[in-house]
Amino acid sequence: MSTPALPDARRVRILAAGGTIAMTGQAGATPQLDAAGLVAALPSLAGRAGLSAETLMNKPSAHLTLGDMLLICKAARDAARRGIGVVVTHGTDTLEETAMLCDVIHDAEAPIVFTGAIRTATAAGADGPANIMDAVSVAASEHAAGMGVLVVFGGEIHHARCARKTDTTSLVAFSSPQTGPLGRVTEGHASIWSRVPRNPPLDPHDIDRRVVIVPTTAGDDGSLARAALSADPDGVVIGTLGAGHLAPALLELWAEAAQRIPIIAYCRPERGVVLTGTYGYAGSEQDLRDTNIIPVGFLSPQAARIKLLACLASGLSIEETRWAFSQDDG
């Protein structure tokens, strides 16, 4: 008797990149399971028609380089271009960054789904198998077509641009502070109730650039900003207080730098937005928007950094970069 095809008949490819989901042992765990090992642990998937698996690398996500991340993303995108739904198994520490990069370059209809695990494969109550099953369900679902890159974790479906790891040990480790989840997976069925508009894709050949994230705090005297700029970065992602506010002297420093390199401004609150005209004091959002700084309240600082790396590597000017970020200025 032939093995049944995946739900909705879309072929699915699992690309393994390492992380806790591939680790064994409860103390001193290290990556041990390759893609075949992850699938073999799931009898309902092993040998299933329309499913294939490949190991790209097997690293803790803190060890991934920018080059590793781009390799993962291009492998996923290339499969999606052939109409294959893709599941990427990845360490949770930097999963949101690789998923964001993948969304920046993804230009096909087939969904790409990132997942991982909080508990090792040999831990009691390991969550990796359930997350893989859910991710495969979403990657195979025609309802997920055209949604771009998703993060499926703990039964919830998030968009890559919105997802953040917000809990270190919970089995529902990811959330989307700006939008909430786009749907959930129940009994192998993906229910999707919301979508995030897709942005035009970029196609960088590498992302070997230097972009730093510089937060701000109360009483910031600009010493951290000056240190960051002295390292001659290609671009900077800066934190702002409230709804796009900075100390006047600090705003002046960043405004001057924004004439030479792209400076992206995010909001410190997780559900942040850079306002346009509520406040009028020195250093308020009106002053920030009068400079060459690019506001992007919707994205997390780590997501903004990844997108800026891709913009720089694609040869975009500061104004072109402003346009690329315009849909993420909540």
C-alpha atoms as a PDB file:
ATOM      1  CA  MET A   1       0.000   0.000   0.000  1.00  0.00           C
ATOM      2  CA  SER A   2       1.379   3.427  -0.929  1.00  0.00           C
ATOM      3  CA  THR A   3       2.106   5.966   1.787  1.00  0.00           C
ATOM      4  CA  PRO A   4      -0.399   8.860   1.821  1.00  0.00           C
ATOM      5  CA  ALA A   5       0.765  12.212   0.521  1.00  0.00           C
ATOM      6  CA  LEU A   6       1.071  15.219   2.776  1.00  0.00           C
ATOM      7  CA  PRO A   7      -2.085  17.258   3.474  1.00  0.00           C
ATOM      8  CA  ASP A   8      -3.021  19.598   0.597  1.00  0.00           C
ATOM      9  CA  ALA A   9      -0.574  17.633  -1.620  1.00  0.00           C
ATOM     10  CA  ARG A  10       2.218  20.240  -1.488  1.00  0.00           C
ATOM     11  CA  ARG A  11       5.627  18.644  -1.307  1.00  0.00           C
ATOM     12  CA  VAL A  12       7.634  19.617   1.772  1.00  0.00           C
ATOM     13  CA  ARG A  13      11.384  19.770   2.310  1.00  0.00           C
ATOM     14  CA  ILE A  14      12.912  19.861   5.791  1.00  0.00           C
ATOM     15  CA  LEU A  15      16.194  21.755   5.993  1.00  0.00           C
ATOM     16  CA  ALA A  16      18.042  21.120   9.245  1.00  0.00           C
ATOM     17  CA  ALA A  17      20.407  23.756  10.620  1.00  0.00           C
ATOM     18  CA  GLY A  18      20.952  22.530  14.192  1.00  0.00           C
ATOM     19  CA  GLY A  19      19.840  24.038  17.485  1.00  0.00           C
ATOM     20  CA  THR A  20      18.262  22.481  20.566  1.00  0.00           C
ATOM     21  CA  ILE A  21      15.831  20.525  18.409  1.00  0.00           C
ATOM     22  CA  ALA A  22      18.828  18.495  17.150  1.00  0.00           C
ATOM     23  CA  MET A  23      20.507  18.160  20.559  1.00  0.00           C
ATOM     24  CA  THR A  24      20.569  15.188  22.890  1.00  0.00           C
ATOM     25  CA  GLY A  25      21.219  15.075  26.627  1.00  0.00           C
ATOM     26  CA  GLN A  26      19.674  17.126  29.395  1.00  0.00           C
ATOM     27  CA  ALA A  27      22.962  18.488  30.757  1.00  0.00           C
ATOM     28  CA  GLY A  28      25.740  19.570  28.444  1.00  0.00           C
ATOM     29  CA  ALA A  29      23.555  18.955  25.383  1.00  0.00           C
ATOM     30  CA  THR A  30      25.160  19.252  21.944  1.00  0.00           C
ATOM     31  CA  PRO A  31      23.788  18.906  18.384  1.00  0.00           C
ATOM     32  CA  GLN A  32      23.651  15.237  17.406  1.00  0.00           C
ATOM     33  CA  LEU A  33      20.622  14.658  15.159  1.00  0.00           C
ATOM     34  CA  ASP A  34      20.746  15.393  11.443  1.00  0.00           C
ATOM     35  CA  ALA A  35      17.694  15.884   9.227  1.00  0.00           C
ATOM     36  CA  ALA A  36      17.234  12.133   8.757  1.00  0.00           C
ATOM     37  CA  GLY A  37      17.383  11.628  12.513  1.00  0.00           C
ATOM     38  CA  LEU A  38      14.739  14.287  13.126  1.00  0.00           C
ATOM     39  CA  VAL A  39      12.382  12.660  10.619  1.00  0.00           C
ATOM     40  CA  ALA A  40      13.094   9.125  11.874  1.00  0.00           C
ATOM     41  CA  ALA A  41      11.911  10.178  15.327  1.00  0.00           C
ATOM     42  CA  LEU A  42       8.470  10.829  13.848  1.00  0.00           C
ATOM     43  CA  PRO A  43       6.968   7.570  12.549  1.00  0.00           C
ATOM     44  CA  SER A  44       4.057   9.450  10.974  1.00  0.00           C
ATOM     45  CA  LEU A  45       6.511  11.395   8.807  1.00  0.00           C
ATOM     46  CA  ALA A  46       9.195   8.791   8.103  1.00  0.00           C
ATOM     47  CA  GLY A  47       8.810   7.521   4.549  1.00  0.00           C
ATOM     48  CA  ARG A  48       5.880   9.834   3.852  1.00  0.00           C
ATOM     49  CA  ALA A  49       5.247  10.626   0.208  1.00  0.00           C
ATOM     50  CA  GLY A  50       6.159  14.176  -0.791  1.00  0.00           C
ATOM     51  CA  LEU A  51       8.575  14.706   2.107  1.00  0.00           C
ATOM     52  CA  SER A  52      12.351  15.070   1.818  1.00  0.00           C
ATOM     53  CA  ALA A  53      14.995  16.164   4.294  1.00  0.00           C
ATOM     54  CA  GLU A  54      18.483  17.643   4.073  1.00  0.00           C
ATOM     55  CA  THR A  55      21.073  18.674   6.641  1.00  0.00           C
ATOM     56  CA  LEU A  56      22.583  22.075   5.866  1.00  0.00           C
ATOM     57  CA  MET A  57      24.606  22.328   9.082  1.00  0.00           C
ATOM     58  CA  ASN A  58      24.303  21.307  12.717  1.00  0.00           C
ATOM     59  CA  LYS A  59      25.213  24.250  14.919  1.00  0.00           C
ATOM     60  CA  PRO A  60      23.910  25.986  18.010  1.00  0.00           C
ATOM     61  CA  SER A  61      22.310  29.123  16.613  1.00  0.00           C
ATOM     62  CA  ALA A  62      24.691  31.347  18.583  1.00  0.00           C
ATOM     63  CA  HIS A  63      27.478  29.895  16.408  1.00  0.00           C
ATOM     64  CA  LEU A  64      25.871  30.817  13.078  1.00  0.00           C
ATOM     65  CA  THR A  65      27.688  33.380  10.965  1.00  0.00           C
ATOM     66  CA  LEU A  66      26.003  35.829   8.614  1.00  0.00           C
ATOM     67  CA  GLY A  67      27.241  33.619   5.784  1.00  0.00           C
ATOM     68  CA  ASP A  68      25.625  30.558   7.386  1.00  0.00           C
ATOM     69  CA  MET A  69      22.346  32.415   7.702  1.00  0.00           C
ATOM     70  CA  LEU A  70      22.338  33.484   4.068  1.00  0.00           C
ATOM     71  CA  LEU A  71      23.157  29.925   2.966  1.00  0.00           C
ATOM     72  CA  ILE A  72      20.158  28.604   4.937  1.00  0.00           C
ATOM     73  CA  CYS A  73      17.872  31.278   3.528  1.00  0.00           C
ATOM     74  CA  LYS A  74      18.923  30.783  -0.079  1.00  0.00           C
ATOM     75  CA  ALA A  75      18.491  27.013   0.184  1.00  0.00           C
ATOM     76  CA  ALA A  76      14.977  27.561   1.534  1.00  0.00           C
ATOM     77  CA  ARG A  77      14.115  30.169  -1.093  1.00  0.00           C
ATOM     78  CA  ASP A  78      15.422  28.034  -3.948  1.00  0.00           C
ATOM     79  CA  ALA A  79      13.229  25.119  -2.851  1.00  0.00           C
ATOM     80  CA  ALA A  80      10.210  27.411  -2.505  1.00  0.00           C
ATOM     81  CA  ARG A  81      10.792  28.678  -6.033  1.00  0.00           C
ATOM     82  CA  ARG A  82      10.172  25.097  -7.196  1.00  0.00           C
ATOM     83  CA  GLY A  83       6.801  25.080  -5.448  1.00  0.00           C
ATOM     84  CA  ILE A  84       8.035  23.105  -2.436  1.00  0.00           C
ATOM     85  CA  GLY A  85       6.930  24.071   1.058  1.00  0.00           C
ATOM     86  CA  VAL A  86       9.970  24.384   3.310  1.00  0.00           C
ATOM     87  CA  VAL A  87      10.518  23.703   7.006  1.00  0.00           C
ATOM     88  CA  VAL A  88      13.767  25.019   8.522  1.00  0.00           C
ATOM     89  CA  THR A  89      14.736  23.551  11.896  1.00  0.00           C
ATOM     90  CA  HIS A  90      16.893  26.097  13.694  1.00  0.00           C
ATOM     91  CA  GLY A  91      18.153  27.065  17.130  1.00  0.00           C
ATOM     92  CA  THR A  92      15.797  29.447  18.903  1.00  0.00           C
ATOM     93  CA  ASP A  93      18.438  31.924  20.112  1.00  0.00           C
ATOM     94  CA  THR A  94      18.751  33.563  16.684  1.00  0.00           C
ATOM     95  CA  LEU A  95      15.850  31.958  14.825  1.00  0.00           C
ATOM     96  CA  GLU A  96      14.026  35.266  14.449  1.00  0.00           C
ATOM     97  CA  GLU A  97      17.031  36.834  12.711  1.00  0.00           C
ATOM     98  CA  THR A  98      17.499  34.067  10.147  1.00  0.00           C
ATOM     99  CA  ALA A  99      13.737  33.979   9.559  1.00  0.00           C
ATOM    100  CA  MET A 100      13.751  37.753   8.987  1.00  0.00           C
ATOM    101  CA  LEU A 101      16.586  37.470   6.475  1.00  0.00           C
ATOM    102  CA  CYS A 102      14.706  34.707   4.710  1.00  0.00           C
ATOM    103  CA  ASP A 103      11.613  36.908   4.486  1.00  0.00           C
ATOM    104  CA  VAL A 104      13.696  39.711   2.978  1.00  0.00           C
ATOM    105  CA  ILE A 105      14.883  37.493   0.093  1.00  0.00           C
ATOM    106  CA  HIS A 106      11.860  35.164  -0.302  1.00  0.00           C
ATOM    107  CA  ASP A 107      10.127  35.777  -3.641  1.00  0.00           C
ATOM    108  CA  ALA A 108       7.959  32.684  -4.202  1.00  0.00           C
ATOM    109  CA  GLU A 109       4.437  31.591  -3.275  1.00  0.00           C
ATOM    110  CA  ALA A 110       5.306  28.399  -1.388  1.00  0.00           C
ATOM    111  CA  PRO A 111       5.613  29.023   2.357  1.00  0.00           C
ATOM    112  CA  ILE A 112       8.860  28.790   4.296  1.00  0.00           C
ATOM    113  CA  VAL A 113       8.366  27.825   7.942  1.00  0.00           C
ATOM    114  CA  PHE A 114      10.940  28.091  10.731  1.00  0.00           C
ATOM    115  CA  THR A 115      10.684  26.042  13.890  1.00  0.00           C
ATOM    116  CA  GLY A 116      12.842  24.663  16.681  1.00  0.00           C
ATOM    117  CA  ALA A 117      12.621  23.445  20.245  1.00  0.00           C
ATOM    118  CA  ILE A 118      13.113  24.568  23.814  1.00  0.00           C
ATOM    119  CA  ARG A 119      13.801  21.078  25.177  1.00  0.00           C
ATOM    120  CA  THR A 120      16.389  18.696  23.805  1.00  0.00           C
ATOM    121  CA  ALA A 121      15.354  15.651  21.801  1.00  0.00           C
ATOM    122  CA  THR A 122      16.015  13.356  24.783  1.00  0.00           C
ATOM    123  CA  ALA A 123      14.360  15.533  27.447  1.00  0.00           C
ATOM    124  CA  ALA A 124      11.110  14.529  29.073  1.00  0.00           C
ATOM    125  CA  GLY A 125       8.316  16.212  27.152  1.00  0.00           C
ATOM    126  CA  ALA A 126      10.539  17.169  24.219  1.00  0.00           C
ATOM    127  CA  ASP A 127       8.694  19.728  22.098  1.00  0.00           C
ATOM    128  CA  GLY A 128      10.686  19.357  18.887  1.00  0.00           C
ATOM    129  CA  PRO A 129       8.620  16.530  17.339  1.00  0.00           C
ATOM    130  CA  ALA A 130       5.320  18.372  17.808  1.00  0.00           C
ATOM    131  CA  ASN A 131       6.795  21.580  16.411  1.00  0.00           C
ATOM    132  CA  ILE A 132       8.097  19.746  13.328  1.00  0.00           C
ATOM    133  CA  MET A 133       4.714  18.125  12.753  1.00  0.00           C
ATOM    134  CA  ASP A 134       2.978  21.496  13.030  1.00  0.00           C
ATOM    135  CA  ALA A 135       5.534  23.191  10.770  1.00  0.00           C
ATOM    136  CA  VAL A 136       5.142  20.494   8.108  1.00  0.00           C
ATOM    137  CA  SER A 137       1.369  20.945   8.259  1.00  0.00           C
ATOM    138  CA  VAL A 138       1.713  24.669   7.607  1.00  0.00           C
ATOM    139  CA  ALA A 139       4.345  24.241   4.887  1.00  0.00           C
ATOM    140  CA  ALA A 140       2.056  21.753   3.109  1.00  0.00           C
ATOM    141  CA  SER A 141      -1.056  23.900   3.452  1.00  0.00           C
ATOM    142  CA  GLU A 142      -2.374  25.838   0.482  1.00  0.00           C
ATOM    143  CA  HIS A 143      -3.846  28.276   3.000  1.00  0.00           C
ATOM    144  CA  ALA A 144      -0.286  29.406   3.781  1.00  0.00           C
ATOM    145  CA  ALA A 145       0.577  30.109   0.138  1.00  0.00           C
ATOM    146  CA  GLY A 146       1.788  33.640  -0.461  1.00  0.00           C
ATOM    147  CA  MET A 147       2.332  34.387   3.228  1.00  0.00           C
ATOM    148  CA  GLY A 148       6.106  34.587   2.968  1.00  0.00           C
ATOM    149  CA  VAL A 149       8.157  33.305   5.884  1.00  0.00           C
ATOM    150  CA  LEU A 150       6.472  32.044   9.044  1.00  0.00           C
ATOM    151  CA  VAL A 151       7.541  30.898  12.498  1.00  0.00           C
ATOM    152  CA  VAL A 152       5.544  27.960  13.875  1.00  0.00           C
ATOM    153  CA  PHE A 153       6.128  27.216  17.535  1.00  0.00           C
ATOM    154  CA  GLY A 154       4.015  25.845  20.366  1.00  0.00           C
ATOM    155  CA  GLY A 155       1.024  25.463  18.061  1.00  0.00           C
ATOM    156  CA  GLU A 156       1.061  29.137  17.021  1.00  0.00           C
ATOM    157  CA  ILE A 157       1.778  30.650  13.601  1.00  0.00           C
ATOM    158  CA  HIS A 158       3.722  33.924  13.500  1.00  0.00           C
ATOM    159  CA  HIS A 159       5.102  36.030  10.691  1.00  0.00           C
ATOM    160  CA  ALA A 160       8.892  36.330  10.490  1.00  0.00           C
ATOM    161  CA  ARG A 161       8.778  40.135  10.569  1.00  0.00           C
ATOM    162  CA  CYS A 162       6.751  40.108  13.780  1.00  0.00           C
ATOM    163  CA  ALA A 163       8.099  37.130  15.740  1.00  0.00           C
ATOM    164  CA  ARG A 164      10.369  37.571  18.735  1.00  0.00           C
ATOM    165  CA  LYS A 165      11.689  35.067  21.213  1.00  0.00           C
ATOM    166  CA  THR A 166      10.101  36.418  24.365  1.00  0.00           C
ATOM    167  CA  ASP A 167      10.573  33.519  26.791  1.00  0.00           C
ATOM    168  CA  THR A 168      13.733  31.519  27.453  1.00  0.00           C
ATOM    169  CA  THR A 169      12.161  28.271  28.664  1.00  0.00           C
ATOM    170  CA  SER A 170       8.442  28.272  27.828  1.00  0.00           C
ATOM    171  CA  LEU A 171       7.244  25.852  25.156  1.00  0.00           C
ATOM    172  CA  VAL A 172       5.483  28.876  23.661  1.00  0.00           C
ATOM    173  CA  ALA A 173       8.727  30.800  23.415  1.00  0.00           C
ATOM    174  CA  PHE A 174       7.801  33.090  20.513  1.00  0.00           C
ATOM    175  CA  SER A 175       5.243  35.858  20.334  1.00  0.00           C
ATOM    176  CA  SER A 176       4.399  38.763  18.039  1.00  0.00           C
ATOM    177  CA  PRO A 177       3.989  41.868  20.216  1.00  0.00           C
ATOM    178  CA  GLN A 178       2.789  44.047  17.328  1.00  0.00           C
ATOM    179  CA  THR A 179       0.272  41.731  15.674  1.00  0.00           C
ATOM    180  CA  GLY A 180      -0.297  38.641  17.764  1.00  0.00           C
ATOM    181  CA  PRO A 181      -0.189  35.211  16.075  1.00  0.00           C
ATOM    182  CA  LEU A 182      -1.557  34.890  12.546  1.00  0.00           C
ATOM    183  CA  GLY A 183      -3.118  31.517  13.299  1.00  0.00           C
ATOM    184  CA  ARG A 184      -2.599  28.178  14.990  1.00  0.00           C
ATOM    185  CA  VAL A 185      -2.199  24.500  14.221  1.00  0.00           C
ATOM    186  CA  THR A 186      -4.714  22.034  15.636  1.00  0.00           C
ATOM    187  CA  GLU A 187      -4.730  18.280  14.901  1.00  0.00           C
ATOM    188  CA  GLY A 188      -2.426  18.817  11.955  1.00  0.00           C
ATOM    189  CA  HIS A 189      -4.621  21.522  10.420  1.00  0.00           C
ATOM    190  CA  ALA A 190      -3.423  25.104   9.939  1.00  0.00           C
ATOM    191  CA  SER A 191      -6.041  27.742  10.768  1.00  0.00           C
ATOM    192  CA  ILE A 192      -4.975  31.199   9.584  1.00  0.00           C
ATOM    193  CA  TRP A 193      -7.013  34.276  10.508  1.00  0.00           C
ATOM    194  CA  SER A 194      -4.632  37.101   9.631  1.00  0.00           C
ATOM    195  CA  ARG A 195      -1.923  37.990   7.104  1.00  0.00           C
ATOM    196  CA  VAL A 196       0.967  40.438   6.974  1.00  0.00           C
ATOM    197  CA  PRO A 197       1.533  42.198   3.621  1.00  0.00           C
ATOM    198  CA  ARG A 198       4.702  41.080   1.866  1.00  0.00           C
ATOM    199  CA  ASN A 199       7.499  43.481   0.984  1.00  0.00           C
ATOM    200  CA  PRO A 200       9.408  43.538  -2.322  1.00  0.00           C
ATOM    201  CA  PRO A 201      12.317  41.063  -2.044  1.00  0.00           C
ATOM    202  CA  LEU A 202      16.021  41.799  -2.150  1.00  0.00           C
ATOM    203  CA  ASP A 203      18.698  39.484  -3.545  1.00  0.00           C
ATOM    204  CA  PRO A 204      22.043  40.107  -1.798  1.00  0.00           C
ATOM    205  CA  HIS A 205      24.969  37.938  -2.843  1.00  0.00           C
ATOM    206  CA  ASP A 206      26.381  38.252   0.674  1.00  0.00           C
ATOM    207  CA  ILE A 207      25.587  40.209   3.814  1.00  0.00           C
ATOM    208  CA  ASP A 208      29.155  40.751   4.924  1.00  0.00           C
ATOM    209  CA  ARG A 209      28.646  44.257   6.270  1.00  0.00           C
ATOM    210  CA  ARG A 210      29.014  45.870   9.685  1.00  0.00           C
ATOM    211  CA  VAL A 211      25.793  47.077  11.289  1.00  0.00           C
ATOM    212  CA  VAL A 212      25.596  47.678  15.025  1.00  0.00           C
ATOM    213  CA  ILE A 213      22.637  48.173  17.352  1.00  0.00           C
ATOM    214  CA  VAL A 214      22.944  51.063  19.793  1.00  0.00           C
ATOM    215  CA  PRO A 215      20.191  51.410  22.419  1.00  0.00           C
ATOM    216  CA  THR A 216      19.489  54.525  24.435  1.00  0.00           C
ATOM    217  CA  THR A 217      18.585  55.029  28.085  1.00  0.00           C
ATOM    218  CA  ALA A 218      17.695  57.810  30.486  1.00  0.00           C
ATOM    219  CA  GLY A 219      20.597  60.224  30.863  1.00  0.00           C
ATOM    220  CA  ASP A 220      22.364  58.972  27.731  1.00  0.00           C
ATOM    221  CA  ASP A 221      25.427  61.189  27.225  1.00  0.00           C
ATOM    222  CA  GLY A 222      26.211  59.847  23.748  1.00  0.00           C
ATOM    223  CA  SER A 223      29.396  58.002  24.724  1.00  0.00           C
ATOM    224  CA  LEU A 224      28.089  54.659  23.386  1.00  0.00           C
ATOM    225  CA  ALA A 225      26.946  56.329  20.157  1.00  0.00           C
ATOM    226  CA  ARG A 226      30.343  57.958  19.623  1.00  0.00           C
ATOM    227  CA  ALA A 227      32.117  54.664  20.314  1.00  0.00           C
ATOM    228  CA  ALA A 228      29.920  52.892  17.774  1.00  0.00           C
ATOM    229  CA  LEU A 229      30.555  55.526  15.101  1.00  0.00           C
ATOM    230  CA  SER A 230      34.308  55.477  15.754  1.00  0.00           C
ATOM    231  CA  ALA A 231      34.314  51.833  14.577  1.00  0.00           C
ATOM    232  CA  ASP A 232      33.273  53.066  11.099  1.00  0.00           C
ATOM    233  CA  PRO A 233      30.129  50.938  10.667  1.00  0.00           C
ATOM    234  CA  ASP A 234      28.290  50.605   7.363  1.00  0.00           C
ATOM    235  CA  GLY A 235      25.043  51.420   9.149  1.00  0.00           C
ATOM    236  CA  VAL A 236      23.548  51.709  12.629  1.00  0.00           C
ATOM    237  CA  VAL A 237      20.253  50.700  14.214  1.00  0.00           C
ATOM    238  CA  ILE A 238      19.492  53.081  17.070  1.00  0.00           C
ATOM    239  CA  GLY A 239      17.037  52.852  19.924  1.00  0.00           C
ATOM    240  CA  THR A 240      14.647  55.675  20.712  1.00  0.00           C
ATOM    241  CA  LEU A 241      12.558  56.256  23.805  1.00  0.00           C
ATOM    242  CA  GLY A 242       8.779  56.243  23.813  1.00  0.00           C
ATOM    243  CA  ALA A 243       7.465  57.063  20.358  1.00  0.00           C
ATOM    244  CA  GLY A 244      10.720  58.168  18.728  1.00  0.00           C
ATOM    245  CA  HIS A 245      12.334  60.465  21.256  1.00  0.00           C
ATOM    246  CA  LEU A 246      15.995  61.193  22.021  1.00  0.00           C
ATOM    247  CA  ALA A 247      17.974  63.661  24.075  1.00  0.00           C
ATOM    248  CA  PRO A 248      18.578  66.689  21.803  1.00  0.00           C
ATOM    249  CA  ALA A 249      22.367  66.364  21.754  1.00  0.00           C
ATOM    250  CA  LEU A 250      22.115  62.644  20.980  1.00  0.00           C
ATOM    251  CA  LEU A 251      19.643  63.264  18.148  1.00  0.00           C
ATOM    252  CA  GLU A 252      22.020  65.860  16.705  1.00  0.00           C
ATOM    253  CA  LEU A 253      24.868  63.335  16.757  1.00  0.00           C
ATOM    254  CA  TRP A 254      22.826  60.666  14.947  1.00  0.00           C
ATOM    255  CA  ALA A 255      21.374  63.190  12.494  1.00  0.00           C
ATOM    256  CA  GLU A 256      24.866  64.202  11.426  1.00  0.00           C
ATOM    257  CA  ALA A 257      25.899  60.561  10.956  1.00  0.00           C
ATOM    258  CA  ALA A 258      22.723  59.908   8.921  1.00  0.00           C
ATOM    259  CA  GLN A 259      24.066  62.155   6.196  1.00  0.00           C
ATOM    260  CA  ARG A 260      26.830  59.598   5.542  1.00  0.00           C
ATOM    261  CA  ILE A 261      25.414  56.174   6.441  1.00  0.00           C
ATOM    262  CA  PRO A 262      21.903  54.749   6.945  1.00  0.00           C
ATOM    263  CA  ILE A 263      20.667  55.200  10.502  1.00  0.00           C
ATOM    264  CA  ILE A 264      17.546  53.177  11.359  1.00  0.00           C
ATOM    265  CA  ALA A 265      15.535  54.167  14.446  1.00  0.00           C
ATOM    266  CA  TYR A 266      13.414  51.668  16.394  1.00  0.00           C
ATOM    267  CA  CYS A 267      11.226  52.204  19.473  1.00  0.00           C
ATOM    268  CA  ARG A 268      12.232  50.764  22.821  1.00  0.00           C
ATOM    269  CA  PRO A 269       8.683  49.544  23.621  1.00  0.00           C
ATOM    270  CA  GLU A 270       8.013  46.143  22.046  1.00  0.00           C
ATOM    271  CA  ARG A 271       4.766  47.443  20.607  1.00  0.00           C
ATOM    272  CA  GLY A 272       6.347  50.643  19.413  1.00  0.00           C
ATOM    273  CA  VAL A 273       5.515  53.222  16.767  1.00  0.00           C
ATOM    274  CA  VAL A 274       7.399  56.382  15.824  1.00  0.00           C
ATOM    275  CA  LEU A 275       4.795  59.146  15.937  1.00  0.00           C
ATOM    276  CA  THR A 276       4.683  62.009  13.462  1.00  0.00           C
ATOM    277  CA  GLY A 277       3.336  65.069  15.229  1.00  0.00           C
ATOM    278  CA  THR A 278       2.072  64.560  18.774  1.00  0.00           C
ATOM    279  CA  TYR A 279       5.072  66.041  20.591  1.00  0.00           C
ATOM    280  CA  GLY A 280       6.974  69.187  19.739  1.00  0.00           C
ATOM    281  CA  TYR A 281       9.724  69.463  22.328  1.00  0.00           C
ATOM    282  CA  ALA A 282      13.398  69.320  21.318  1.00  0.00           C
ATOM    283  CA  GLY A 283      14.376  65.748  20.463  1.00  0.00           C
ATOM    284  CA  SER A 284      10.787  64.614  19.872  1.00  0.00           C
ATOM    285  CA  GLU A 285       9.539  62.535  16.948  1.00  0.00           C
ATOM    286  CA  GLN A 286       9.001  65.696  14.868  1.00  0.00           C
ATOM    287  CA  ASP A 287      12.673  66.588  15.168  1.00  0.00           C
ATOM    288  CA  LEU A 288      13.708  62.996  14.377  1.00  0.00           C
ATOM    289  CA  ARG A 289      11.552  62.936  11.226  1.00  0.00           C
ATOM    290  CA  ASP A 290      13.096  66.223  10.104  1.00  0.00           C
ATOM    291  CA  THR A 291      16.491  64.484   9.871  1.00  0.00           C
ATOM    292  CA  ASN A 292      17.798  61.830   7.482  1.00  0.00           C
ATOM    293  CA  ILE A 293      17.242  59.117  10.122  1.00  0.00           C
ATOM    294  CA  ILE A 294      14.930  56.317   8.939  1.00  0.00           C
ATOM    295  CA  PRO A 295      12.175  55.490  11.495  1.00  0.00           C
ATOM    296  CA  VAL A 296      10.955  51.894  11.677  1.00  0.00           C
ATOM    297  CA  GLY A 297       8.913  51.410  14.814  1.00  0.00           C
ATOM    298  CA  PHE A 298       7.307  48.148  13.689  1.00  0.00           C
ATOM    299  CA  LEU A 299      10.466  45.986  13.629  1.00  0.00           C
ATOM    300  CA  SER A 300      12.526  44.716  16.533  1.00  0.00           C
ATOM    301  CA  PRO A 301      16.115  46.013  16.629  1.00  0.00           C
ATOM    302  CA  GLN A 302      17.475  42.625  15.567  1.00  0.00           C
ATOM    303  CA  ALA A 303      15.048  42.409  12.635  1.00  0.00           C
ATOM    304  CA  ALA A 304      15.907  45.959  11.558  1.00  0.00           C
ATOM    305  CA  ARG A 305      19.618  45.109  11.638  1.00  0.00           C
ATOM    306  CA  ILE A 306      19.112  42.076   9.401  1.00  0.00           C
ATOM    307  CA  LYS A 307      17.066  44.052   6.882  1.00  0.00           C
ATOM    308  CA  LEU A 308      19.639  46.853   6.836  1.00  0.00           C
ATOM    309  CA  LEU A 309      22.422  44.330   6.208  1.00  0.00           C
ATOM    310  CA  ALA A 310      20.480  43.054   3.192  1.00  0.00           C
ATOM    311  CA  CYS A 311      19.835  46.593   1.927  1.00  0.00           C
ATOM    312  CA  LEU A 312      23.521  47.490   2.178  1.00  0.00           C
ATOM    313  CA  ALA A 313      24.615  44.255   0.516  1.00  0.00           C
ATOM    314  CA  SER A 314      22.135  44.897  -2.300  1.00  0.00           C
ATOM    315  CA  GLY A 315      23.743  48.266  -3.011  1.00  0.00           C
ATOM    316  CA  LEU A 316      20.785  50.413  -1.962  1.00  0.00           C
ATOM    317  CA  SER A 317      21.388  54.110  -1.360  1.00  0.00           C
ATOM    318  CA  ILE A 318      20.160  55.782   1.830  1.00  0.00           C
ATOM    319  CA  GLU A 319      16.981  56.959   0.071  1.00  0.00           C
ATOM    320  CA  GLU A 320      16.407  53.538  -1.469  1.00  0.00           C
ATOM    321  CA  THR A 321      16.878  52.032   1.979  1.00  0.00           C
ATOM    322  CA  ARG A 322      14.299  54.484   3.333  1.00  0.00           C
ATOM    323  CA  TRP A 323      11.844  53.219   0.718  1.00  0.00           C
ATOM    324  CA  ALA A 324      12.629  49.568   1.555  1.00  0.00           C
ATOM    325  CA  PHE A 325      11.840  50.234   5.227  1.00  0.00           C
ATOM    326  CA  SER A 326       8.779  52.394   4.575  1.00  0.00           C
ATOM    327  CA  GLN A 327       6.276  49.536   4.961  1.00  0.00           C
ATOM    328  CA  ASP A 328       7.742  48.718   8.378  1.00  0.00           C
ATOM    329  CA  ASP A 329       7.297  52.245   9.783  1.00  0.00           C
ATOM    330  CA  GLY A 330       4.238  51.442  11.903  1.00  0.00           C
END
